[in-house]
PDB file of N, CA and C in Angstrom:
ATOM      1  N   MET A   1    -121.625  57.546  27.258  1.00  0.00           N
ATOM      2  CA  MET A   1    -121.524  56.002  28.362  1.00  0.00           C
ATOM      3  C   MET A   1    -120.930  55.418  29.058  1.00  0.00           C
ATOM      4  N   ASN A   2    -122.045  54.285  29.384  1.00  0.00           N
ATOM      5  CA  ASN A   2    -121.314  53.302  30.733  1.00  0.00           C
ATOM      6  C   ASN A   2    -120.166  52.619  30.796  1.00  0.00           C
ATOM      7  N   LYS A   3    -120.398  52.327  31.691  1.00  0.00           N
ATOM      8  CA  LYS A   3    -118.786  51.955  31.906  1.00  0.00           C
ATOM      9  C   LYS A   3    -118.563  50.513  31.375  1.00  0.00           C
ATOM     10  N   SER A   4    -119.077  49.643  31.011  1.00  0.00           N
ATOM     11  CA  SER A   4    -119.043  48.449  30.220  1.00  0.00           C
ATOM     12  C   SER A   4    -118.755  48.447  29.282  1.00  0.00           C
ATOM     13  N   THR A   5    -119.700  49.580  28.195  1.00  0.00           N
ATOM     14  CA  THR A   5    -120.027  50.493  26.927  1.00  0.00           C
ATOM     15  C   THR A   5    -117.694  50.840  26.736  1.00  0.00           C
ATOM     16  N   LYS A   6    -117.166  51.290  27.774  1.00  0.00           N
ATOM     17  CA  LYS A   6    -115.703  51.731  27.777  1.00  0.00           C
ATOM     18  C   LYS A   6    -115.752  50.756  27.467  1.00  0.00           C
ATOM     19  N   LEU A   7    -115.460  49.574  28.999  1.00  0.00           N
ATOM     20  CA  LEU A   7    -114.845  48.478  28.484  1.00  0.00           C
ATOM     21  C   LEU A   7    -114.282  48.370  26.928  1.00  0.00           C
ATOM     22  N   VAL A   8    -115.706  47.712  26.809  1.00  0.00           N
ATOM     23  CA  VAL A   8    -115.917  46.780  25.428  1.00  0.00           C
ATOM     24  C   VAL A   8    -114.630  47.754  24.446  1.00  0.00           C
ATOM     25  N   ALA A   9    -114.936  49.301  24.483  1.00  0.00           N
ATOM     26  CA  ALA A   9    -114.432  49.984  23.355  1.00  0.00           C
ATOM     27  C   ALA A   9    -112.738  50.203  23.626  1.00  0.00           C
ATOM     28  N   ALA A  10    -112.138  50.261  25.168  1.00  0.00           N
ATOM     29  CA  ALA A  10    -111.240  50.551  25.020  1.00  0.00           C
ATOM     30  C   ALA A  10    -110.687  48.967  24.994  1.00  0.00           C
ATOM     31  N   GLY A  11    -111.251  47.271  25.068  1.00  0.00           N
ATOM     32  CA  GLY A  11    -111.023  45.840  24.422  1.00  0.00           C
ATOM     33  C   GLY A  11    -110.359  46.384  22.770  1.00  0.00           C
ATOM     34  N   VAL A  12    -111.401  46.791  22.175  1.00  0.00           N
ATOM     35  CA  VAL A  12    -111.669  46.850  20.706  1.00  0.00           C
ATOM     36  C   VAL A  12    -110.417  47.677  20.323  1.00  0.00           C
ATOM     37  N   LEU A  13    -110.136  48.664  20.931  1.00  0.00           N
ATOM     38  CA  LEU A  13    -108.847  49.457  20.491  1.00  0.00           C
ATOM     39  C   LEU A  13    -108.072  48.749  20.679  1.00  0.00           C
ATOM     40  N   ALA A  14    -107.089  47.850  22.361  1.00  0.00           N
ATOM     41  CA  ALA A  14    -106.202  47.427  22.416  1.00  0.00           C
ATOM     42  C   ALA A  14    -105.886  46.546  21.483  1.00  0.00           C
ATOM     43  N   ALA A  15    -107.232  45.761  20.919  1.00  0.00           N
ATOM     44  CA  ALA A  15    -106.858  44.259  20.113  1.00  0.00           C
ATOM     45  C   ALA A  15    -106.440  45.354  18.344  1.00  0.00           C
ATOM     46  N   ALA A  16    -107.168  46.490  18.483  1.00  0.00           N
ATOM     47  CA  ALA A  16    -106.099  46.599  16.929  1.00  0.00           C
ATOM     48  C   ALA A  16    -104.805  47.836  17.092  1.00  0.00           C
ATOM     49  N   PHE A  17    -104.286  47.942  18.419  1.00  0.00           N
ATOM     50  CA  PHE A  17    -103.783  48.410  18.333  1.00  0.00           C
ATOM     51  C   PHE A  17    -102.582  47.055  18.052  1.00  0.00           C
ATOM     52  N   THR A  18    -102.609  45.798  18.998  1.00  0.00           N
ATOM     53  CA  THR A  18    -101.470  44.928  18.421  1.00  0.00           C
ATOM     54  C   THR A  18    -102.136  43.875  17.493  1.00  0.00           C
ATOM     55  N   MET A  19    -102.972  44.539  16.710  1.00  0.00           N
ATOM     56  CA  MET A  19    -103.214  43.768  15.615  1.00  0.00           C
ATOM     57  C   MET A  19    -102.496  44.722  14.039  1.00  0.00           C
ATOM     58  N   VAL A  20    -102.543  45.924  14.314  1.00  0.00           N
ATOM     59  CA  VAL A  20    -101.696  46.923  13.678  1.00  0.00           C
ATOM     60  C   VAL A  20    -100.145  46.677  13.609  1.00  0.00           C
ATOM     61  N   GLY A  21     -99.929  46.113  14.619  1.00  0.00           N
ATOM     62  CA  GLY A  21     -98.427  46.523  15.495  1.00  0.00           C
ATOM     63  C   GLY A  21     -97.249  45.631  15.027  1.00  0.00           C
ATOM     64  N   CYS A  22     -98.451  44.342  14.803  1.00  0.00           N
ATOM     65  CA  CYS A  22     -98.104  43.008  13.654  1.00  0.00           C
ATOM     66  C   CYS A  22     -98.222  42.796  12.828  1.00  0.00           C
ATOM     67  N   THR A  23     -99.332  44.330  12.093  1.00  0.00           N
ATOM     68  CA  THR A  23     -99.150  44.163  10.729  1.00  0.00           C
ATOM     69  C   THR A  23     -98.264  43.661   9.597  1.00  0.00           C
ATOM     70  N   ASP A  24     -96.705  43.924   9.538  1.00  0.00           N
ATOM     71  CA  ASP A  24     -95.737  44.634   8.418  1.00  0.00           C
ATOM     72  C   ASP A  24     -95.299  43.217   8.325  1.00  0.00           C
ATOM     73  N   ALA A  25     -94.551  42.810   9.864  1.00  0.00           N
ATOM     74  CA  ALA A  25     -94.527  41.435   9.807  1.00  0.00           C
ATOM     75  C   ALA A  25     -95.336  40.086   9.160  1.00  0.00           C
ATOM     76  N   SER A  26     -96.292  40.446   9.528  1.00  0.00           N
ATOM     77  CA  SER A  26     -97.708  38.740   9.636  1.00  0.00           C
ATOM     78  C   SER A  26     -97.649  38.883   7.592  1.00  0.00           C
ATOM     79  N   TRP A  27     -97.744  40.135   8.065  1.00  0.00           N
ATOM     80  CA  TRP A  27     -97.860  40.169   5.946  1.00  0.00           C
ATOM     81  C   TRP A  27     -96.764  39.792   5.153  1.00  0.00           C
ATOM     82  N   GLY A  28     -96.159  40.625   5.645  1.00  0.00           N
ATOM     83  CA  GLY A  28     -94.908  39.490   5.472  1.00  0.00           C
ATOM     84  C   GLY A  28     -94.015  38.326   4.487  1.00  0.00           C
ATOM     85  N   LYS A  29     -94.209  37.626   6.323  1.00  0.00           N
ATOM     86  CA  LYS A  29     -94.619  36.437   6.370  1.00  0.00           C
ATOM     87  C   LYS A  29     -95.046  35.742   5.472  1.00  0.00           C
ATOM     88  N   LEU A  30     -96.685  35.660   5.152  1.00  0.00           N
ATOM     89  CA  LEU A  30     -97.951  34.897   4.452  1.00  0.00           C
ATOM     90  C   LEU A  30     -97.371  35.164   3.306  1.00  0.00           C
ATOM     91  N   THR A  31     -97.193  36.748   2.958  1.00  0.00           N
ATOM     92  CA  THR A  31     -96.994  36.863   1.335  1.00  0.00           C
ATOM     93  C   THR A  31     -95.592  36.460   0.661  1.00  0.00           C
ATOM     94  N   ALA A  32     -94.855  35.604   1.559  1.00  0.00           N
ATOM     95  CA  ALA A  32     -93.412  35.245   0.821  1.00  0.00           C
ATOM     96  C   ALA A  32     -93.660  33.555  -0.150  1.00  0.00           C
ATOM     97  N   TYR A  33     -94.444  33.470   0.017  1.00  0.00           N
ATOM     98  CA  TYR A  33     -94.658  32.022  -0.453  1.00  0.00           C
ATOM     99  C   TYR A  33     -94.857  32.491  -1.668  1.00  0.00           C
ATOM    100  N   GLY A  34     -93.695  31.399  -2.511  1.00  0.00           N
ATOM    101  CA  GLY A  34     -92.946  31.433  -4.403  1.00  0.00           C
ATOM    102  C   GLY A  34     -91.681  32.527  -3.940  1.00  0.00           C
ATOM    103  N   ASP A  35     -91.415  33.971  -3.094  1.00  0.00           N
ATOM    104  CA  ASP A  35     -91.057  34.459  -3.565  1.00  0.00           C
ATOM    105  C   ASP A  35     -89.063  33.484  -2.780  1.00  0.00           C
ATOM    106  N   ASN A  36     -88.592  34.396  -4.007  1.00  0.00           N
ATOM    107  CA  ASN A  36     -86.462  33.892  -3.812  1.00  0.00           C
ATOM    108  C   ASN A  36     -86.239  34.786  -2.731  1.00  0.00           C
ATOM    109  N   ALA A  37     -85.880  34.126  -2.020  1.00  0.00           N
ATOM    110  CA  ALA A  37     -84.892  34.240  -0.918  1.00  0.00           C
ATOM    111  C   ALA A  37     -83.087  33.440  -0.181  1.00  0.00           C
ATOM    112  N   ASN A  38     -82.813  34.258  -0.007  1.00  0.00           N
ATOM    113  CA  ASN A  38     -81.156  34.490   0.054  1.00  0.00           C
ATOM    114  C   ASN A  38     -81.315  33.904   1.612  1.00  0.00           C
ATOM    115  N   VAL A  39     -79.874  32.750   1.274  1.00  0.00           N
ATOM    116  CA  VAL A  39     -79.629  31.773   2.591  1.00  0.00           C
ATOM    117  C   VAL A  39     -78.747  31.793   2.787  1.00  0.00           C
ATOM    118  N   GLN A  40     -78.184  32.845   4.286  1.00  0.00           N
ATOM    119  CA  GLN A  40     -76.100  32.619   4.363  1.00  0.00           C
ATOM    120  C   GLN A  40     -76.335  32.431   5.990  1.00  0.00           C
ATOM    121  N   CYS A  41     -75.345  31.496   6.235  1.00  0.00           N
ATOM    122  CA  CYS A  41     -75.582  31.410   7.464  1.00  0.00           C
ATOM    123  C   CYS A  41     -73.732  31.349   7.548  1.00  0.00           C
ATOM    124  N   TYR A  42     -73.216  31.980   8.930  1.00  0.00           N
ATOM    125  CA  TYR A  42     -72.554  31.999   9.245  1.00  0.00           C
ATOM    126  C   TYR A  42     -71.691  31.145  10.873  1.00  0.00           C
ATOM    127  N   SER A  43     -70.696  30.902  10.636  1.00  0.00           N
ATOM    128  CA  SER A  43     -70.197  30.318  12.298  1.00  0.00           C
ATOM    129  C   SER A  43     -68.412  31.169  12.540  1.00  0.00           C
ATOM    130  N   GLY A  44     -68.877  31.810  14.015  1.00  0.00           N
ATOM    131  CA  GLY A  44     -67.554  32.137  14.352  1.00  0.00           C
ATOM    132  C   GLY A  44     -67.416  33.404  12.535  1.00  0.00           C
ATOM    133  N   GLY A  45     -68.977  34.168  12.844  1.00  0.00           N
ATOM    134  CA  GLY A  45     -68.918  35.791  12.129  1.00  0.00           C
ATOM    135  C   GLY A  45     -68.391  34.861  10.103  1.00  0.00           C
ATOM    136  N   THR A  46     -68.014  34.197  10.160  1.00  0.00           N
ATOM    137  CA  THR A  46     -67.231  33.664   9.171  1.00  0.00           C
ATOM    138  C   THR A  46     -68.184  33.499   7.217  1.00  0.00           C
ATOM    139  N   LEU A  47     -68.968  33.246   7.166  1.00  0.00           N
ATOM    140  CA  LEU A  47     -69.404  32.789   5.757  1.00  0.00           C
ATOM    141  C   LEU A  47     -69.621  31.069   5.387  1.00  0.00           C
ATOM    142  N   ILE A  48     -70.208  30.985   5.981  1.00  0.00           N
ATOM    143  CA  ILE A  48     -69.973  29.603   5.923  1.00  0.00           C
ATOM    144  C   ILE A  48     -70.909  28.444   4.494  1.00  0.00           C
ATOM    145  N   PHE A  49     -72.253  29.383   4.420  1.00  0.00           N
ATOM    146  CA  PHE A  49     -73.007  29.004   3.083  1.00  0.00           C
ATOM    147  C   PHE A  49     -73.905  30.017   2.023  1.00  0.00           C
ATOM    148  N   ASP A  50     -73.518  30.114   1.578  1.00  0.00           N
ATOM    149  CA  ASP A  50     -74.810  31.196   0.708  1.00  0.00           C
ATOM    150  C   ASP A  50     -75.375  30.112  -0.285  1.00  0.00           C
ATOM    151  N   SER A  51     -76.839  30.568  -0.601  1.00  0.00           N
ATOM    152  CA  SER A  51     -77.601  29.695  -1.649  1.00  0.00           C
ATOM    153  C   SER A  51     -79.051  30.229  -1.765  1.00  0.00           C
ATOM    154  N   VAL A  52     -79.627  31.002  -3.154  1.00  0.00           N
ATOM    155  CA  VAL A  52     -81.115  31.418  -2.898  1.00  0.00           C
ATOM    156  C   VAL A  52     -81.882  29.757  -3.054  1.00  0.00           C
ATOM    157  N   SER A  53     -82.791  30.337  -2.745  1.00  0.00           N
ATOM    158  CA  SER A  53     -83.819  28.839  -3.157  1.00  0.00           C
ATOM    159  C   SER A  53     -84.788  29.606  -3.685  1.00  0.00           C
ATOM    160  N   THR A  54     -85.786  28.749  -4.229  1.00  0.00           N
ATOM    161  CA  THR A  54     -86.918  28.856  -5.173  1.00  0.00           C
ATOM    162  C   THR A  54     -88.073  29.386  -4.577  1.00  0.00           C
ATOM    163  N   GLY A  55     -87.894  29.301  -3.491  1.00  0.00           N
ATOM    164  CA  GLY A  55     -89.163  29.243  -2.684  1.00  0.00           C
ATOM    165  C   GLY A  55     -89.584  29.330  -0.980  1.00  0.00           C
ATOM    166  N   LYS A  56     -89.725  29.986  -0.669  1.00  0.00           N
ATOM    167  CA  LYS A  56     -90.476  29.656   0.629  1.00  0.00           C
ATOM    168  C   LYS A  56     -89.617  28.985   1.912  1.00  0.00           C
ATOM    169  N   VAL A  57     -88.516  29.653   2.623  1.00  0.00           N
ATOM    170  CA  VAL A  57     -87.182  28.207   3.632  1.00  0.00           C
ATOM    171  C   VAL A  57     -88.428  28.276   4.495  1.00  0.00           C
ATOM    172  N   ILE A  58     -88.429  27.578   4.895  1.00  0.00           N
ATOM    173  CA  ILE A  58     -89.262  26.814   5.673  1.00  0.00           C
ATOM    174  C   ILE A  58     -88.052  26.712   7.631  1.00  0.00           C
ATOM    175  N   SER A  59     -88.977  27.187   8.499  1.00  0.00           N
ATOM    176  CA  SER A  59     -88.042  26.984  10.015  1.00  0.00           C
ATOM    177  C   SER A  59     -88.255  25.486  10.182  1.00  0.00           C
ATOM    178  N   GLU A  60     -87.946  24.206  11.708  1.00  0.00           N
ATOM    179  CA  GLU A  60     -87.924  23.713  12.112  1.00  0.00           C
ATOM    180  C   GLU A  60     -88.649  23.523  13.102  1.00  0.00           C
ATOM    181  N   ALA A  61     -89.920  23.107  13.737  1.00  0.00           N
ATOM    182  CA  ALA A  61     -90.753  23.572  14.926  1.00  0.00           C
ATOM    183  C   ALA A  61     -89.338  23.275  15.904  1.00  0.00           C
ATOM    184  N   ASN A  62     -89.441  23.809  16.810  1.00  0.00           N
ATOM    185  CA  ASN A  62     -87.760  23.263  18.353  1.00  0.00           C
ATOM    186  C   ASN A  62     -87.129  22.994  17.585  1.00  0.00           C
ATOM    187  N   SER A  63     -86.245  24.157  16.279  1.00  0.00           N
ATOM    188  CA  SER A  63     -84.717  23.743  15.984  1.00  0.00           C
ATOM    189  C   SER A  63     -84.845  25.213  15.585  1.00  0.00           C
ATOM    190  N   ASP A  64     -83.174  24.524  14.831  1.00  0.00           N
ATOM    191  CA  ASP A  64     -82.402  26.027  14.849  1.00  0.00           C
ATOM    192  C   ASP A  64     -82.395  26.152  12.575  1.00  0.00           C
ATOM    193  N   GLY A  65     -82.906  25.216  12.590  1.00  0.00           N
ATOM    194  CA  GLY A  65     -82.751  24.432  11.425  1.00  0.00           C
ATOM    195  C   GLY A  65     -83.487  24.647  10.383  1.00  0.00           C
ATOM    196  N   TYR A  66     -83.224  24.973   9.247  1.00  0.00           N
ATOM    197  CA  TYR A  66     -84.509  25.124   8.698  1.00  0.00           C
ATOM    198  C   TYR A  66     -84.231  24.511   6.662  1.00  0.00           C
ATOM    199  N   TYR A  67     -85.660  24.521   5.837  1.00  0.00           N
ATOM    200  CA  TYR A  67     -84.915  24.250   4.183  1.00  0.00           C
ATOM    201  C   TYR A  67     -85.804  24.025   3.622  1.00  0.00           C
ATOM    202  N   PHE A  68     -85.434  24.057   2.268  1.00  0.00           N
ATOM    203  CA  PHE A  68     -85.442  25.027   1.309  1.00  0.00           C
ATOM    204  C   PHE A  68     -85.437  24.184  -0.130  1.00  0.00           C
ATOM    205  N   LYS A  69     -85.959  24.554  -1.303  1.00  0.00           N
ATOM    206  CA  LYS A  69     -85.488  24.161  -2.284  1.00  0.00           C
ATOM    207  C   LYS A  69     -84.328  24.765  -2.729  1.00  0.00           C
ATOM    208  N   ASP A  70     -82.792  24.703  -3.198  1.00  0.00           N
ATOM    209  CA  ASP A  70     -82.028  25.432  -3.712  1.00  0.00           C
ATOM    210  C   ASP A  70     -82.153  25.777  -5.146  1.00  0.00           C
ATOM    211  N   LYS A  71     -82.593  26.856  -5.915  1.00  0.00           N
ATOM    212  CA  LYS A  71     -82.452  27.231  -6.832  1.00  0.00           C
ATOM    213  C   LYS A  71     -80.935  26.582  -7.678  1.00  0.00           C
ATOM    214  N   LYS A  72     -79.732  26.921  -7.171  1.00  0.00           N
ATOM    215  CA  LYS A  72     -79.353  26.309  -8.520  1.00  0.00           C
ATOM    216  C   LYS A  72     -79.183  24.443  -9.451  1.00  0.00           C
ATOM    217  N   THR A  73     -78.906  24.022  -8.076  1.00  0.00           N
ATOM    218  CA  THR A  73     -78.782  22.833  -8.317  1.00  0.00           C
ATOM    219  C   THR A  73     -80.532  21.511  -7.984  1.00  0.00           C
ATOM    220  N   GLY A  74     -82.184  22.536  -7.360  1.00  0.00           N
ATOM    221  CA  GLY A  74     -82.389  22.067  -7.065  1.00  0.00           C
ATOM    222  C   GLY A  74     -83.031  21.226  -5.984  1.00  0.00           C
ATOM    223  N   LYS A  75     -82.406  20.756  -5.739  1.00  0.00           N
ATOM    224  CA  LYS A  75     -82.107  19.998  -4.991  1.00  0.00           C
ATOM    225  C   LYS A  75     -82.499  20.638  -3.096  1.00  0.00           C
ATOM    226  N   MET A  76     -82.823  19.759  -2.291  1.00  0.00           N
ATOM    227  CA  MET A  76     -84.132  20.112  -1.199  1.00  0.00           C
ATOM    228  C   MET A  76     -82.557  20.259   0.203  1.00  0.00           C
ATOM    229  N   MET A  77     -82.631  21.564   1.335  1.00  0.00           N
ATOM    230  CA  MET A  77     -81.629  20.935   1.375  1.00  0.00           C
ATOM    231  C   MET A  77     -81.405  21.823   3.011  1.00  0.00           C
ATOM    232  N   GLU A  78     -80.956  21.520   3.755  1.00  0.00           N
ATOM    233  CA  GLU A  78     -81.038  21.549   4.997  1.00  0.00           C
ATOM    234  C   GLU A  78     -80.263  22.034   6.038  1.00  0.00           C
ATOM    235  N   VAL A  79     -79.913  23.422   6.844  1.00  0.00           N
ATOM    236  CA  VAL A  79     -79.477  23.696   7.480  1.00  0.00           C
ATOM    237  C   VAL A  79     -79.821  24.441   8.940  1.00  0.00           C
ATOM    238  N   SER A  80     -78.610  24.527   9.863  1.00  0.00           N
ATOM    239  CA  SER A  80     -78.866  24.897  10.858  1.00  0.00           C
ATOM    240  C   SER A  80     -77.672  25.851  11.551  1.00  0.00           C
ATOM    241  N   GLY A  81     -77.796  27.030  12.240  1.00  0.00           N
ATOM    242  CA  GLY A  81     -77.089  27.735  13.077  1.00  0.00           C
ATOM    243  C   GLY A  81     -77.335  28.878  12.797  1.00  0.00           C
ATOM    244  N   ASP A  82     -76.464  30.132  13.005  1.00  0.00           N
ATOM    245  CA  ASP A  82     -76.220  30.885  12.472  1.00  0.00           C
ATOM    246  C   ASP A  82     -77.324  31.375  11.304  1.00  0.00           C
ATOM    247  N   CYS A  83     -77.919  31.315  10.610  1.00  0.00           N
ATOM    248  CA  CYS A  83     -78.662  31.537   9.234  1.00  0.00           C
ATOM    249  C   CYS A  83     -79.005  32.547   9.192  1.00  0.00           C
ATOM    250  N   ILE A  84     -78.800  33.805   8.341  1.00  0.00           N
ATOM    251  CA  ILE A  84     -79.789  34.834   7.499  1.00  0.00           C
ATOM    252  C   ILE A  84     -80.433  34.811   6.778  1.00  0.00           C
ATOM    253  N   ILE A  85     -82.071  35.192   6.519  1.00  0.00           N
ATOM    254  CA  ILE A  85     -82.783  34.368   5.768  1.00  0.00           C
ATOM    255  C   ILE A  85     -83.398  35.738   5.084  1.00  0.00           C
ATOM    256  N   THR A  86     -82.893  36.702   3.730  1.00  0.00           N
ATOM    257  CA  THR A  86     -83.615  37.412   3.316  1.00  0.00           C
ATOM    258  C   THR A  86     -84.227  37.364   2.420  1.00  0.00           C
ATOM    259  N   TYR A  87     -85.808  38.068   1.609  1.00  0.00           N
ATOM    260  CA  TYR A  87     -86.661  37.941   0.510  1.00  0.00           C
ATOM    261  C   TYR A  87     -85.821  38.758  -0.518  1.00  0.00           C
ATOM    262  N   ASP A  88     -86.196  39.158  -1.728  1.00  0.00           N
ATOM    263  CA  ASP A  88     -85.905  39.392  -2.463  1.00  0.00           C
ATOM    264  C   ASP A  88     -87.245  39.854  -2.727  1.00  0.00           C
ATOM    265  N   PRO A  89     -87.462  41.155  -3.291  1.00  0.00           N
ATOM    266  CA  PRO A  89     -88.989  41.819  -2.859  1.00  0.00           C
ATOM    267  C   PRO A  89     -89.235  41.632  -4.296  1.00  0.00           C
TER     268      PRO A  89
END
């Protein structure tokens, strides 16, 4: 095996390892569309907002904000701050 073939093989392996390392999180984010999410926001360690979305929670670009449709009220909600978003399996 010549030097250029070894470099190409090393590059392919490095790319494969990088893709495998991100697979779970990336795949989970892609497949979360349509799944309910629990949205909980905190202030000073105290729960100040607790809701369930009808589908994917979208994060605002260049912001700490999120928006989603509330399952209980059917209204679009926008929240920001220290929020934890968990998707139902």
